[in-house]
């Protein structure tokens, strides 16, 4: 079957209603991207598009939809906070109303192979106590589990429990995807999984309540239960701020004494240990802003004989000191070279 692409914003309710009502069209889609609608690191939002195989009605729905009217401000979180409350309420209401037909539409995409989520976290999430009124499917992630998806890419733009998120009218769906229903799903055909998350970005601001380390237990369970065909995993954390000792919790990062700065990294020793011997098809592991001891890495590599590549990609954003990262011993490098042959 040839590839058929659809790239559209989450809040295009009319498009999702059409696809939910026309399974013959929805089932042609093999690649779906729920795209962002605002700038990211000064990069403009991608354009909505689809392949001609989806027909003139879908093409017209994309062409005639003004997505700019509901896009958040381009300035990021700071600009969103300055946005008028009525504009924010309208935007969040549009997201909420469009997500129900989106859930229904995804469940009809029986030939879906690739799914990319590059948007704010979904409004509806059973794990977070907000199931959709779309029985029996209560979230986008449950709908995705009804498909034959092989490749999943998730860009999780929500930060973790910022104090200003108490304003639920403006931030109705602020809890990160990382904490939601995604990790409860069994995706029978899954071959590659990538998550890029800001959920544990250690921001250079005071007064922000963040955990010392994220709980990776549910991530480990998700990877384990989808391991049979899983060849590629990318865990791309974003931790570009400085950590603060408790006695300096109300000090801006730029004002911290150099000797008090603590670089933020996600420790993955326990994750690697819990996954040892449980990923029988894994060939590639890519990580960012994580740390692990040589011993943990070596044990994981030795228990994963299919693994050919373990790559650490550069951090993004501001750095407040050297990071430990994932250390590859000579023995590990030799093992990977041998397994790649």
Protein backbone atom coordinates (compact mmCIF):
# COMPACT_ATOMS: atom_id res chain seq x y z
CA UNK A 1 0.00 0.00 0.00
CA UNK A 2 1.40 3.40 -0.98
CA UNK A 3 1.96 6.09 1.63
CA UNK A 4 -0.87 8.61 2.11
CA UNK A 5 -0.07 11.62 4.33
CA UNK A 6 -2.30 13.95 6.31
CA UNK A 7 -0.82 16.83 8.32
CA UNK A 8 -3.32 19.04 10.16
CA UNK A 9 -3.91 20.90 13.45
CA UNK A 10 -5.71 19.16 16.29
CA UNK A 11 -8.53 21.69 16.43
CA UNK A 12 -9.81 21.30 12.86
CA UNK A 13 -13.10 19.82 14.09
CA UNK A 14 -14.80 19.78 10.68
CA UNK A 15 -11.97 17.72 9.16
CA UNK A 16 -12.06 15.14 11.95
CA UNK A 17 -15.85 14.93 11.81
CA UNK A 18 -15.65 14.21 8.07
CA UNK A 19 -13.05 11.47 8.52
CA UNK A 20 -14.92 9.91 11.44
CA UNK A 21 -18.02 9.71 9.23
CA UNK A 22 -16.15 8.41 6.16
CA UNK A 23 -14.13 5.37 7.15
CA UNK A 24 -13.36 4.63 3.49
CA UNK A 25 -11.37 7.90 3.37
CA UNK A 26 -9.86 7.63 6.86
CA UNK A 27 -8.61 4.12 6.16
CA UNK A 28 -6.48 5.42 3.26
CA UNK A 29 -4.31 7.43 5.66
CA UNK A 30 -0.99 5.76 6.45
CA UNK A 31 0.79 8.77 7.98
CA UNK A 32 -0.88 11.27 10.32
CA UNK A 33 0.81 14.31 11.86
CA UNK A 34 -1.01 16.44 14.40
CA UNK A 35 1.07 19.51 13.83
CA UNK A 36 1.98 22.45 16.00
CA UNK A 37 0.45 25.80 15.16
CA UNK A 38 2.98 28.14 16.73
CA UNK A 39 6.69 28.84 16.47
CA UNK A 40 9.14 26.54 18.20
CA UNK A 41 12.68 27.83 18.81
CA UNK A 42 12.01 30.48 16.12
CA UNK A 43 10.97 27.83 13.59
CA UNK A 44 7.59 28.60 11.99
CA UNK A 45 4.72 26.15 12.22
CA UNK A 46 4.57 23.68 9.33
CA UNK A 47 1.79 24.02 6.78
CA UNK A 48 -1.22 21.73 6.75
CA UNK A 49 -1.15 19.33 3.82
CA UNK A 50 -2.49 16.05 2.50
CA UNK A 51 -1.98 13.72 -0.42
CA UNK A 52 -4.38 13.85 -3.34
CA UNK A 53 -5.49 10.28 -2.59
CA UNK A 54 -7.66 11.62 0.25
CA UNK A 55 -9.91 13.38 -2.25
CA UNK A 56 -11.15 16.85 -3.01
CA UNK A 57 -13.27 17.21 0.13
CA UNK A 58 -10.31 16.75 2.47
CA UNK A 59 -8.16 19.06 0.33
CA UNK A 60 -10.87 21.73 0.46
CA UNK A 61 -11.31 21.38 4.22
CA UNK A 62 -7.60 22.04 4.74
CA UNK A 63 -7.48 24.90 2.26
CA UNK A 64 -10.48 26.74 3.71
CA UNK A 65 -9.54 26.43 7.39
CA UNK A 66 -7.99 29.51 9.05
CA UNK A 67 -5.81 27.95 11.72
CA UNK A 68 -4.22 31.27 12.68
CA UNK A 69 -7.43 32.39 14.41
CA UNK A 70 -6.96 29.79 17.14
CA UNK A 71 -3.18 29.58 17.34
CA UNK A 72 -1.53 30.52 20.65
CA UNK A 73 0.80 33.54 20.72
CA UNK A 74 4.20 32.99 19.12
CA UNK A 75 6.12 34.18 22.16
CA UNK A 76 5.74 30.96 24.13
CA UNK A 77 4.61 30.68 27.75
CA UNK A 78 5.32 34.33 28.63
CA UNK A 79 3.17 35.62 25.77
CA UNK A 80 0.41 33.11 26.56
CA UNK A 81 0.24 34.50 30.09
CA UNK A 82 -0.38 37.99 28.64
CA UNK A 83 -3.09 36.75 26.29
CA UNK A 84 -6.60 37.99 27.03
CA UNK A 85 -8.61 35.47 29.04
CA UNK A 86 -11.49 35.41 26.54
CA UNK A 87 -9.08 34.57 23.71
CA UNK A 88 -7.51 31.79 25.77
CA UNK A 89 -10.91 30.41 26.73
CA UNK A 90 -11.98 30.36 23.07
CA UNK A 91 -8.78 28.57 22.09
CA UNK A 92 -9.02 25.90 24.81
CA UNK A 93 -12.72 25.36 24.10
CA UNK A 94 -11.92 24.80 20.41
CA UNK A 95 -9.24 22.24 21.34
CA UNK A 96 -11.65 20.43 23.63
CA UNK A 97 -14.49 20.29 21.11
CA UNK A 98 -12.30 19.16 18.20
CA UNK A 99 -10.56 16.42 20.12
CA UNK A 100 -13.65 14.23 20.38
CA UNK A 101 -14.06 13.81 16.59
CA UNK A 102 -10.26 13.49 16.32
CA UNK A 103 -10.39 10.46 18.64
CA UNK A 104 -13.15 8.96 16.50
CA UNK A 105 -11.28 9.70 13.25
CA UNK A 106 -8.04 8.08 14.43
CA UNK A 107 -9.90 4.91 15.41
CA UNK A 108 -11.07 4.64 11.78
CA UNK A 109 -7.53 4.84 10.34
CA UNK A 110 -7.09 1.10 10.11
CA UNK A 111 -4.01 1.30 7.87
CA UNK A 112 -2.14 3.92 9.87
CA UNK A 113 1.61 3.26 9.93
CA UNK A 114 3.12 6.52 11.21
CA UNK A 115 1.73 8.85 13.88
CA UNK A 116 3.34 12.15 14.90
CA UNK A 117 1.99 14.31 17.73
CA UNK A 118 3.67 17.74 17.66
CA UNK A 119 1.23 19.79 19.69
CA UNK A 120 0.21 20.61 23.25
CA UNK A 121 -0.93 17.63 25.35
CA UNK A 122 -4.39 16.27 24.58
CA UNK A 123 -7.29 17.64 26.62
CA UNK A 124 -8.77 14.22 27.33
CA UNK A 125 -6.71 11.63 29.16
CA UNK A 126 -8.08 8.81 31.30
CA UNK A 127 -4.84 8.43 33.25
CA UNK A 128 -5.03 12.09 34.29
CA UNK A 129 -8.68 11.86 35.32
CA UNK A 130 -10.19 13.51 32.23
CA UNK A 131 -11.57 10.72 30.02
CA UNK A 132 -13.31 11.69 26.80
CA UNK A 133 -17.04 11.29 26.39
CA UNK A 134 -16.35 8.99 23.46
CA UNK A 135 -16.97 5.50 24.83
CA UNK A 136 -15.33 3.07 24.60
CA UNK A 137 -12.32 5.25 23.68
CA UNK A 138 -11.39 7.79 26.32
CA UNK A 139 -8.27 9.32 24.73
CA UNK A 140 -6.32 9.82 21.53
CA UNK A 141 -3.84 7.22 22.75
CA UNK A 142 -6.56 4.59 23.16
CA UNK A 143 -7.73 5.35 19.63
CA UNK A 144 -4.18 4.94 18.38
CA UNK A 145 -4.08 1.46 19.89
CA UNK A 146 -6.94 0.50 17.55
CA UNK A 147 -4.69 1.04 14.51
CA UNK A 148 -1.73 -0.82 13.02
CA UNK A 149 0.70 2.02 13.76
CA UNK A 150 4.39 1.10 13.53
CA UNK A 151 6.19 4.40 14.07
CA UNK A 152 5.20 6.86 16.82
CA UNK A 153 6.79 10.27 17.42
CA UNK A 154 5.58 12.40 20.33
CA UNK A 155 6.69 15.97 21.01
CA UNK A 156 5.55 16.77 24.56
CA UNK A 157 5.67 20.55 24.98
CA UNK A 158 4.12 20.83 28.46
CA UNK A 159 6.34 21.69 31.41
CA UNK A 160 5.90 19.87 34.67
CA UNK A 161 3.55 21.38 37.28
CA UNK A 162 4.42 25.06 36.80
CA UNK A 163 2.83 27.12 39.56
CA UNK A 164 0.88 29.25 37.09
CA UNK A 165 -0.83 26.12 35.75
CA UNK A 166 -3.33 26.45 38.58
CA UNK A 167 -5.24 28.68 36.15
CA UNK A 168 -7.24 25.78 34.73
CA UNK A 169 -9.37 28.02 32.54
CA UNK A 170 -6.31 29.01 30.53
CA UNK A 171 -4.36 25.75 30.84
CA UNK A 172 -7.03 23.09 30.68
CA UNK A 173 -4.61 20.44 29.39
CA UNK A 174 -1.32 21.34 30.99
CA UNK A 175 -0.23 18.03 32.50
CA UNK A 176 2.43 16.48 30.28
CA UNK A 177 1.83 13.61 27.89
CA UNK A 178 4.62 11.89 29.80
CA UNK A 179 2.24 11.43 32.74
CA UNK A 180 -0.79 10.45 30.70
CA UNK A 181 -2.56 7.57 29.05
CA UNK A 182 0.02 7.00 26.29
CA UNK A 183 2.18 4.72 28.42
CA UNK A 184 -0.80 2.48 29.24
CA UNK A 185 -1.27 1.43 25.60
CA UNK A 186 -0.42 -1.83 23.85
CA UNK A 187 0.62 -1.02 20.28
CA UNK A 188 0.94 -4.45 18.70
CA UNK A 189 2.86 -3.38 15.57
CA UNK A 190 5.15 -0.77 17.16
CA UNK A 191 8.65 -0.74 15.62
CA UNK A 192 9.94 2.72 16.54
CA UNK A 193 9.09 5.11 19.36
CA UNK A 194 10.42 8.61 19.96
CA UNK A 195 9.43 11.03 22.69
CA UNK A 196 10.87 14.51 22.96
CA UNK A 197 9.73 16.03 26.23
CA UNK A 198 10.01 19.33 28.05
CA UNK A 199 8.11 17.80 30.95
CA UNK A 200 11.13 17.85 33.24
CA UNK A 201 12.93 20.91 31.98
CA UNK A 202 14.71 22.39 34.96
CA UNK A 203 13.84 26.00 34.29
CA UNK A 204 16.16 28.86 35.26
CA UNK A 205 13.43 30.43 37.41
CA UNK A 206 12.74 30.44 41.13
CA UNK A 207 9.47 29.36 42.75
CA UNK A 208 8.88 26.48 40.30
CA UNK A 209 7.91 23.21 41.94
CA UNK A 210 9.52 20.32 40.06
CA UNK A 211 10.41 16.81 41.19
CA UNK A 212 14.02 15.89 41.83
CA UNK A 213 13.82 13.17 39.16
CA UNK A 214 10.98 11.94 36.92
CA UNK A 215 9.41 8.59 37.63
CA UNK A 216 10.30 6.40 34.65
CA UNK A 217 8.38 3.34 35.85
CA UNK A 218 5.46 3.75 33.44
CA UNK A 219 7.81 4.48 30.52
CA UNK A 220 9.66 1.23 31.27
CA UNK A 221 6.37 -0.69 31.40
CA UNK A 222 5.25 0.81 28.07
CA UNK A 223 8.50 -0.15 26.33
CA UNK A 224 8.42 -3.64 27.85
CA UNK A 225 4.85 -4.42 26.80
CA UNK A 226 5.53 -3.18 23.25
CA UNK A 227 8.94 -4.83 22.94
CA UNK A 228 8.32 -7.70 20.54
CA UNK A 229 8.87 -5.69 17.34
CA UNK A 230 10.42 -2.52 18.81
CA UNK A 231 13.64 -1.77 16.90
CA UNK A 232 14.29 1.91 17.65
CA UNK A 233 13.76 4.04 20.77
CA UNK A 234 14.60 7.74 21.23
CA UNK A 235 14.25 9.32 24.68
CA UNK A 236 14.93 13.01 24.15
CA UNK A 237 14.61 14.90 27.41
CA UNK A 238 15.11 18.64 27.57
CA UNK A 239 16.83 19.81 30.78
CA UNK A 240 18.58 23.02 29.82
CA UNK A 241 18.25 24.85 33.15
CA UNK A 242 20.29 24.76 36.33
CA UNK A 243 19.09 22.78 39.32
CA UNK A 244 18.98 24.59 42.65
CA UNK A 245 19.97 23.31 46.07
CA UNK A 246 17.08 23.55 48.55
CA UNK A 247 18.57 26.51 50.41
CA UNK A 248 18.67 28.49 47.15
CA UNK A 249 15.26 27.47 45.80
CA UNK A 250 14.14 31.10 45.46
CA UNK A 251 17.23 32.29 43.61
CA UNK A 252 17.34 32.90 39.87
CA UNK A 253 19.74 30.58 38.05
CA UNK A 254 21.69 33.54 36.69
CA UNK A 255 22.37 34.64 40.29
CA UNK A 256 23.52 31.26 41.59
CA UNK A 257 27.15 31.04 42.71
CA UNK A 258 29.07 28.86 40.26
CA UNK A 259 29.88 26.35 42.99
CA UNK A 260 26.15 25.92 43.72
CA UNK A 261 25.02 25.24 40.17
CA UNK A 262 23.79 21.72 39.56
CA UNK A 263 23.27 20.61 35.98
CA UNK A 264 19.89 18.98 35.32
CA UNK A 265 19.97 15.47 33.87
CA UNK A 266 17.51 12.60 33.95
CA UNK A 267 19.09 9.58 35.61
CA UNK A 268 18.29 6.41 33.66
CA UNK A 269 20.27 3.74 35.54
CA UNK A 270 17.12 2.18 37.00
CA UNK A 271 15.35 2.40 33.63
CA UNK A 272 18.17 0.55 31.88
CA UNK A 273 18.21 -2.04 34.65
CA UNK A 274 14.46 -2.61 34.41
CA UNK A 275 14.68 -3.02 30.61
CA UNK A 276 17.67 -5.35 30.59
CA UNK A 277 16.83 -8.46 28.61
CA UNK A 278 13.31 -7.22 27.78
CA UNK A 279 13.86 -5.60 24.38
CA UNK A 280 14.59 -8.56 22.09
CA UNK A 281 14.35 -6.62 18.80
CA UNK A 282 16.00 -3.33 19.80
CA UNK A 283 18.66 -2.15 17.35
CA UNK A 284 18.97 1.56 18.19
CA UNK A 285 18.72 3.67 21.35
CA UNK A 286 19.08 7.47 21.14
CA UNK A 287 19.07 9.67 24.26
CA UNK A 288 19.39 13.34 25.22
CA UNK A 289 20.01 15.00 28.58
CA UNK A 290 20.29 11.76 30.52
CA UNK A 291 23.00 10.26 32.68
CA UNK A 292 23.93 6.68 33.45
CA UNK A 293 26.95 4.91 34.89
CA UNK A 294 29.25 2.80 32.75
CA UNK A 295 28.15 -0.27 34.71
CA UNK A 296 24.45 0.31 33.96
CA UNK A 297 25.12 0.91 30.28
CA UNK A 298 27.35 -2.13 29.96
CA UNK A 299 24.80 -4.42 31.64
CA UNK A 300 22.04 -3.14 29.35
CA UNK A 301 24.10 -3.55 26.18
CA UNK A 302 25.18 -7.06 27.18
CA UNK A 303 21.54 -8.05 27.78
CA UNK A 304 20.40 -6.67 24.40
CA UNK A 305 22.31 -8.64 21.76
CA UNK A 306 20.41 -7.00 18.88
CA UNK A 307 21.52 -3.49 19.87
CA UNK A 308 23.82 -1.93 17.26
CA UNK A 309 23.72 1.78 18.09
CA UNK A 310 23.63 3.78 21.33
CA UNK A 311 23.79 7.48 20.54
CA UNK A 312 23.75 10.56 22.75
CA UNK A 313 22.57 13.65 20.86
CA UNK A 314 23.58 17.18 21.93
CA UNK A 315 21.54 19.14 24.44
CA UNK A 316 19.39 22.06 23.36
CA UNK A 317 19.26 25.50 24.92
CA UNK A 318 21.29 27.06 27.72
CA UNK A 319 23.76 24.91 29.62
CA UNK A 320 24.92 25.60 33.17
CA UNK A 321 27.90 23.29 33.30
CA UNK A 322 29.24 19.99 31.98
CA UNK A 323 26.92 17.02 31.99
CA UNK A 324 27.78 13.47 32.92
CA UNK A 325 25.80 11.94 30.08
CA UNK A 326 25.85 8.29 29.12
CA UNK A 327 29.34 6.90 29.38
CA UNK A 328 30.35 4.19 26.94
CA UNK A 329 33.27 2.09 28.11
CA UNK A 330 35.70 0.57 25.64
CA UNK A 331 34.03 -2.80 26.24
CA UNK A 332 30.61 -1.37 25.37
CA UNK A 333 31.92 0.25 22.20
CA UNK A 334 33.49 -3.01 21.13
CA UNK A 335 30.27 -4.92 21.89
CA UNK A 336 28.19 -2.50 19.79
CA UNK A 337 30.65 -2.72 16.91
CA UNK A 338 30.55 -6.50 17.06
CA UNK A 339 26.74 -6.63 17.19
CA UNK A 340 26.46 -4.21 14.26
CA UNK A 341 28.30 -6.60 11.94
